[in-house]
Amino acid sequence: MKELTIISGKGGTGKTTVTAAFAVLAKNAILADCDVDAADLHLILTPKEISSADFIGGRGPQLDSEKCTRCGECQDLCRFDAIDFSEESGYSINEFACDCCGLCALACPEEAITMVDTINGRWFISETRAG
């Protein structure tokens, strides 16, 4: 078995195109498109999906508003300004601003914030003309 890895830190350099070309030349290749931001190999190889599942890539905060006493400790400590507050609904966590560091969960005196598994995407097993 031969293993080939194509990497680069720059987008748009042709990594996917080169990978697809090598895949078609190889017989029964096993491929993994591990690009975190734009896994695009499927666009070229038009795979037939066999199975897929959620990818759990980390843990993120979940706020239980029933336990929250609105003390504001989490908001005061959050360096990412990811804790929002409104008089009507109380505190909420902005998932786009949150870095999932867990400080809010550690600091909450009421244990109203817990760290839970988060779904960060999906993984797929597929068949293509390349394998």
C-alpha atoms as a PDB file:
ATOM      1  CA  MET A   1       0.000   0.000   0.000  1.00  0.00           C
ATOM      2  CA  LYS A   2       1.222   3.486  -0.837  1.00  0.00           C
ATOM      3  CA  GLU A   3       0.141   6.537   1.111  1.00  0.00           C
ATOM      4  CA  LEU A   4       0.076  10.022  -0.380  1.00  0.00           C
ATOM      5  CA  THR A   5      -0.737  13.201   1.525  1.00  0.00           C
ATOM      6  CA  ILE A   6      -1.367  16.531  -0.168  1.00  0.00           C
ATOM      7  CA  ILE A   7      -1.265  19.542   2.154  1.00  0.00           C
ATOM      8  CA  SER A   8      -0.998  23.298   1.965  1.00  0.00           C
ATOM      9  CA  GLY A   9      -1.963  26.238   4.121  1.00  0.00           C
ATOM     10  CA  LYS A  10      -3.221  28.274   1.182  1.00  0.00           C
ATOM     11  CA  GLY A  11      -6.667  27.878  -0.357  1.00  0.00           C
ATOM     12  CA  GLY A  12      -7.107  27.766  -4.106  1.00  0.00           C
ATOM     13  CA  THR A  13      -3.767  26.148  -4.927  1.00  0.00           C
ATOM     14  CA  GLY A  14      -5.261  23.075  -6.608  1.00  0.00           C
ATOM     15  CA  LYS A  15      -4.933  20.479  -3.848  1.00  0.00           C
ATOM     16  CA  THR A  16      -8.376  19.017  -4.563  1.00  0.00           C
ATOM     17  CA  THR A  17      -7.786  18.892  -8.322  1.00  0.00           C
ATOM     18  CA  VAL A  18      -4.408  17.176  -7.921  1.00  0.00           C
ATOM     19  CA  THR A  19      -5.873  14.727  -5.385  1.00  0.00           C
ATOM     20  CA  ALA A  20      -8.734  13.826  -7.733  1.00  0.00           C
ATOM     21  CA  ALA A  21      -6.304  13.292 -10.618  1.00  0.00           C
ATOM     22  CA  PHE A  22      -4.136  10.939  -8.556  1.00  0.00           C
ATOM     23  CA  ALA A  23      -7.241   9.146  -7.278  1.00  0.00           C
ATOM     24  CA  VAL A  24      -8.495   8.432 -10.792  1.00  0.00           C
ATOM     25  CA  LEU A  25      -5.050   7.139 -11.824  1.00  0.00           C
ATOM     26  CA  ALA A  26      -4.871   4.822  -8.818  1.00  0.00           C
ATOM     27  CA  LYS A  27      -6.920   1.643  -8.685  1.00  0.00           C
ATOM     28  CA  ASN A  28      -9.333   1.273  -5.759  1.00  0.00           C
ATOM     29  CA  ALA A  29      -7.966   4.266  -3.885  1.00  0.00           C
ATOM     30  CA  ILE A  30      -9.099   5.066  -0.369  1.00  0.00           C
ATOM     31  CA  LEU A  31      -9.480   8.824  -0.049  1.00  0.00           C
ATOM     32  CA  ALA A  32     -10.065  11.198   2.839  1.00  0.00           C
ATOM     33  CA  ASP A  33     -10.830  14.861   2.215  1.00  0.00           C
ATOM     34  CA  CYS A  34      -9.872  16.299   5.590  1.00  0.00           C
ATOM     35  CA  ASP A  35     -10.181  19.966   4.676  1.00  0.00           C
ATOM     36  CA  VAL A  36     -11.888  21.587   7.661  1.00  0.00           C
ATOM     37  CA  ASP A  37     -13.230  24.648   5.845  1.00  0.00           C
ATOM     38  CA  ALA A  38     -14.042  23.406   2.353  1.00  0.00           C
ATOM     39  CA  ALA A  39     -13.958  19.655   1.769  1.00  0.00           C
ATOM     40  CA  ASP A  40     -14.660  19.781  -1.984  1.00  0.00           C
ATOM     41  CA  LEU A  41     -13.354  16.468  -3.333  1.00  0.00           C
ATOM     42  CA  HIS A  42     -16.936  15.239  -3.624  1.00  0.00           C
ATOM     43  CA  LEU A  43     -17.630  17.938  -6.227  1.00  0.00           C
ATOM     44  CA  ILE A  44     -15.131  16.377  -8.631  1.00  0.00           C
ATOM     45  CA  LEU A  45     -15.573  12.669  -7.887  1.00  0.00           C
ATOM     46  CA  THR A  46     -19.412  12.691  -7.572  1.00  0.00           C
ATOM     47  CA  PRO A  47     -19.593   9.980  -4.900  1.00  0.00           C
ATOM     48  CA  LYS A  48     -22.434   7.558  -4.184  1.00  0.00           C
ATOM     49  CA  GLU A  49     -23.063   7.840  -0.461  1.00  0.00           C
ATOM     50  CA  ILE A  50     -23.045   4.565   1.468  1.00  0.00           C
ATOM     51  CA  SER A  51     -23.349   5.911   5.005  1.00  0.00           C
ATOM     52  CA  SER A  52     -22.913   9.074   7.021  1.00  0.00           C
ATOM     53  CA  ALA A  53     -23.022  10.238  10.612  1.00  0.00           C
ATOM     54  CA  ASP A  54     -22.685  13.351  12.714  1.00  0.00           C
ATOM     55  CA  PHE A  55     -19.132  14.397  13.558  1.00  0.00           C
ATOM     56  CA  ILE A  56     -18.796  15.368  17.201  1.00  0.00           C
ATOM     57  CA  GLY A  57     -15.731  17.548  17.257  1.00  0.00           C
ATOM     58  CA  GLY A  58     -15.743  19.125  20.662  1.00  0.00           C
ATOM     59  CA  ARG A  59     -17.775  20.390  23.563  1.00  0.00           C
ATOM     60  CA  GLY A  60     -19.670  23.633  23.858  1.00  0.00           C
ATOM     61  CA  PRO A  61     -21.619  25.424  26.584  1.00  0.00           C
ATOM     62  CA  GLN A  62     -25.317  24.841  27.138  1.00  0.00           C
ATOM     63  CA  LEU A  63     -27.272  27.210  29.376  1.00  0.00           C
ATOM     64  CA  ASP A  64     -30.138  25.947  31.531  1.00  0.00           C
ATOM     65  CA  SER A  65     -32.284  29.062  31.989  1.00  0.00           C
ATOM     66  CA  GLU A  66     -34.232  27.376  34.806  1.00  0.00           C
ATOM     67  CA  LYS A  67     -31.072  27.174  36.937  1.00  0.00           C
ATOM     68  CA  CYS A  68     -29.704  30.602  35.938  1.00  0.00           C
ATOM     69  CA  THR A  69     -30.107  33.273  38.637  1.00  0.00           C
ATOM     70  CA  ARG A  70     -28.899  36.070  36.309  1.00  0.00           C
ATOM     71  CA  CYS A  71     -25.842  36.846  38.443  1.00  0.00           C
ATOM     72  CA  GLY A  72     -23.836  37.854  35.348  1.00  0.00           C
ATOM     73  CA  GLU A  73     -20.633  36.067  36.371  1.00  0.00           C
ATOM     74  CA  CYS A  74     -20.433  34.258  33.025  1.00  0.00           C
ATOM     75  CA  GLN A  75     -20.850  37.464  31.015  1.00  0.00           C
ATOM     76  CA  ASP A  76     -18.269  39.323  33.118  1.00  0.00           C
ATOM     77  CA  LEU A  77     -15.648  36.619  32.541  1.00  0.00           C
ATOM     78  CA  CYS A  78     -16.251  35.853  28.855  1.00  0.00           C
ATOM     79  CA  ARG A  79     -13.389  37.384  26.865  1.00  0.00           C
ATOM     80  CA  PHE A  80     -15.165  36.569  23.586  1.00  0.00           C
ATOM     81  CA  ASP A  81     -18.309  38.599  24.428  1.00  0.00           C
ATOM     82  CA  ALA A  82     -20.318  35.473  23.675  1.00  0.00           C
ATOM     83  CA  ILE A  83     -22.793  35.845  26.546  1.00  0.00           C
ATOM     84  CA  ASP A  84     -25.771  38.005  25.609  1.00  0.00           C
ATOM     85  CA  PHE A  85     -28.407  39.369  27.972  1.00  0.00           C
ATOM     86  CA  SER A  86     -31.920  40.696  27.524  1.00  0.00           C
ATOM     87  CA  GLU A  87     -34.436  41.607  30.224  1.00  0.00           C
ATOM     88  CA  GLU A  88     -37.097  39.420  28.590  1.00  0.00           C
ATOM     89  CA  SER A  89     -35.182  36.190  28.076  1.00  0.00           C
ATOM     90  CA  GLY A  90     -32.151  36.529  30.358  1.00  0.00           C
ATOM     91  CA  TYR A  91     -28.734  35.205  29.354  1.00  0.00           C
ATOM     92  CA  SER A  92     -27.964  33.302  26.173  1.00  0.00           C
ATOM     93  CA  ILE A  93     -24.796  32.041  24.541  1.00  0.00           C
ATOM     94  CA  ASN A  94     -23.902  33.292  21.077  1.00  0.00           C
ATOM     95  CA  GLU A  95     -22.535  30.121  19.466  1.00  0.00           C
ATOM     96  CA  PHE A  96     -20.816  32.078  16.692  1.00  0.00           C
ATOM     97  CA  ALA A  97     -18.823  34.243  19.114  1.00  0.00           C
ATOM     98  CA  CYS A  98     -18.147  31.457  21.625  1.00  0.00           C
ATOM     99  CA  ASP A  99     -14.709  29.812  21.573  1.00  0.00           C
ATOM    100  CA  CYS A 100     -15.926  26.908  23.765  1.00  0.00           C
ATOM    101  CA  CYS A 101     -13.208  27.478  26.370  1.00  0.00           C
ATOM    102  CA  GLY A 102     -15.535  26.375  29.196  1.00  0.00           C
ATOM    103  CA  LEU A 103     -14.750  29.237  31.589  1.00  0.00           C
ATOM    104  CA  CYS A 104     -18.426  30.179  31.865  1.00  0.00           C
ATOM    105  CA  ALA A 105     -19.315  26.631  32.936  1.00  0.00           C
ATOM    106  CA  LEU A 106     -16.534  26.566  35.524  1.00  0.00           C
ATOM    107  CA  ALA A 107     -17.478  29.986  36.912  1.00  0.00           C
ATOM    108  CA  CYS A 108     -21.256  29.571  37.124  1.00  0.00           C
ATOM    109  CA  PRO A 109     -22.140  29.284  40.834  1.00  0.00           C
ATOM    110  CA  GLU A 110     -25.487  27.644  40.013  1.00  0.00           C
ATOM    111  CA  GLU A 111     -24.034  25.128  37.520  1.00  0.00           C
ATOM    112  CA  ALA A 112     -26.521  26.489  34.984  1.00  0.00           C
ATOM    113  CA  ILE A 113     -23.943  26.167  32.206  1.00  0.00           C
ATOM    114  CA  THR A 114     -22.633  22.738  31.285  1.00  0.00           C
ATOM    115  CA  MET A 115     -20.298  21.641  28.518  1.00  0.00           C
ATOM    116  CA  VAL A 116     -21.972  19.225  26.101  1.00  0.00           C
ATOM    117  CA  ASP A 117     -20.871  17.421  22.942  1.00  0.00           C
ATOM    118  CA  THR A 118     -21.391  19.536  19.830  1.00  0.00           C
ATOM    119  CA  ILE A 119     -22.012  18.414  16.277  1.00  0.00           C
ATOM    120  CA  ASN A 120     -19.451  20.124  14.057  1.00  0.00           C
ATOM    121  CA  GLY A 121     -20.367  18.523  10.757  1.00  0.00           C
ATOM    122  CA  ARG A 122     -20.923  15.154   9.112  1.00  0.00           C
ATOM    123  CA  TRP A 123     -18.614  12.452   7.821  1.00  0.00           C
ATOM    124  CA  PHE A 124     -19.421  10.246   4.847  1.00  0.00           C
ATOM    125  CA  ILE A 125     -18.401   6.877   3.465  1.00  0.00           C
ATOM    126  CA  SER A 126     -18.906   6.823  -0.285  1.00  0.00           C
ATOM    127  CA  GLU A 127     -17.964   5.025  -3.467  1.00  0.00           C
ATOM    128  CA  THR A 128     -16.560   6.892  -6.458  1.00  0.00           C
ATOM    129  CA  ARG A 129     -15.151   5.991  -9.838  1.00  0.00           C
ATOM    130  CA  ALA A 130     -11.754   6.204  -8.127  1.00  0.00           C
ATOM    131  CA  GLY A 131     -12.584   3.742  -5.376  1.00  0.00           C
END
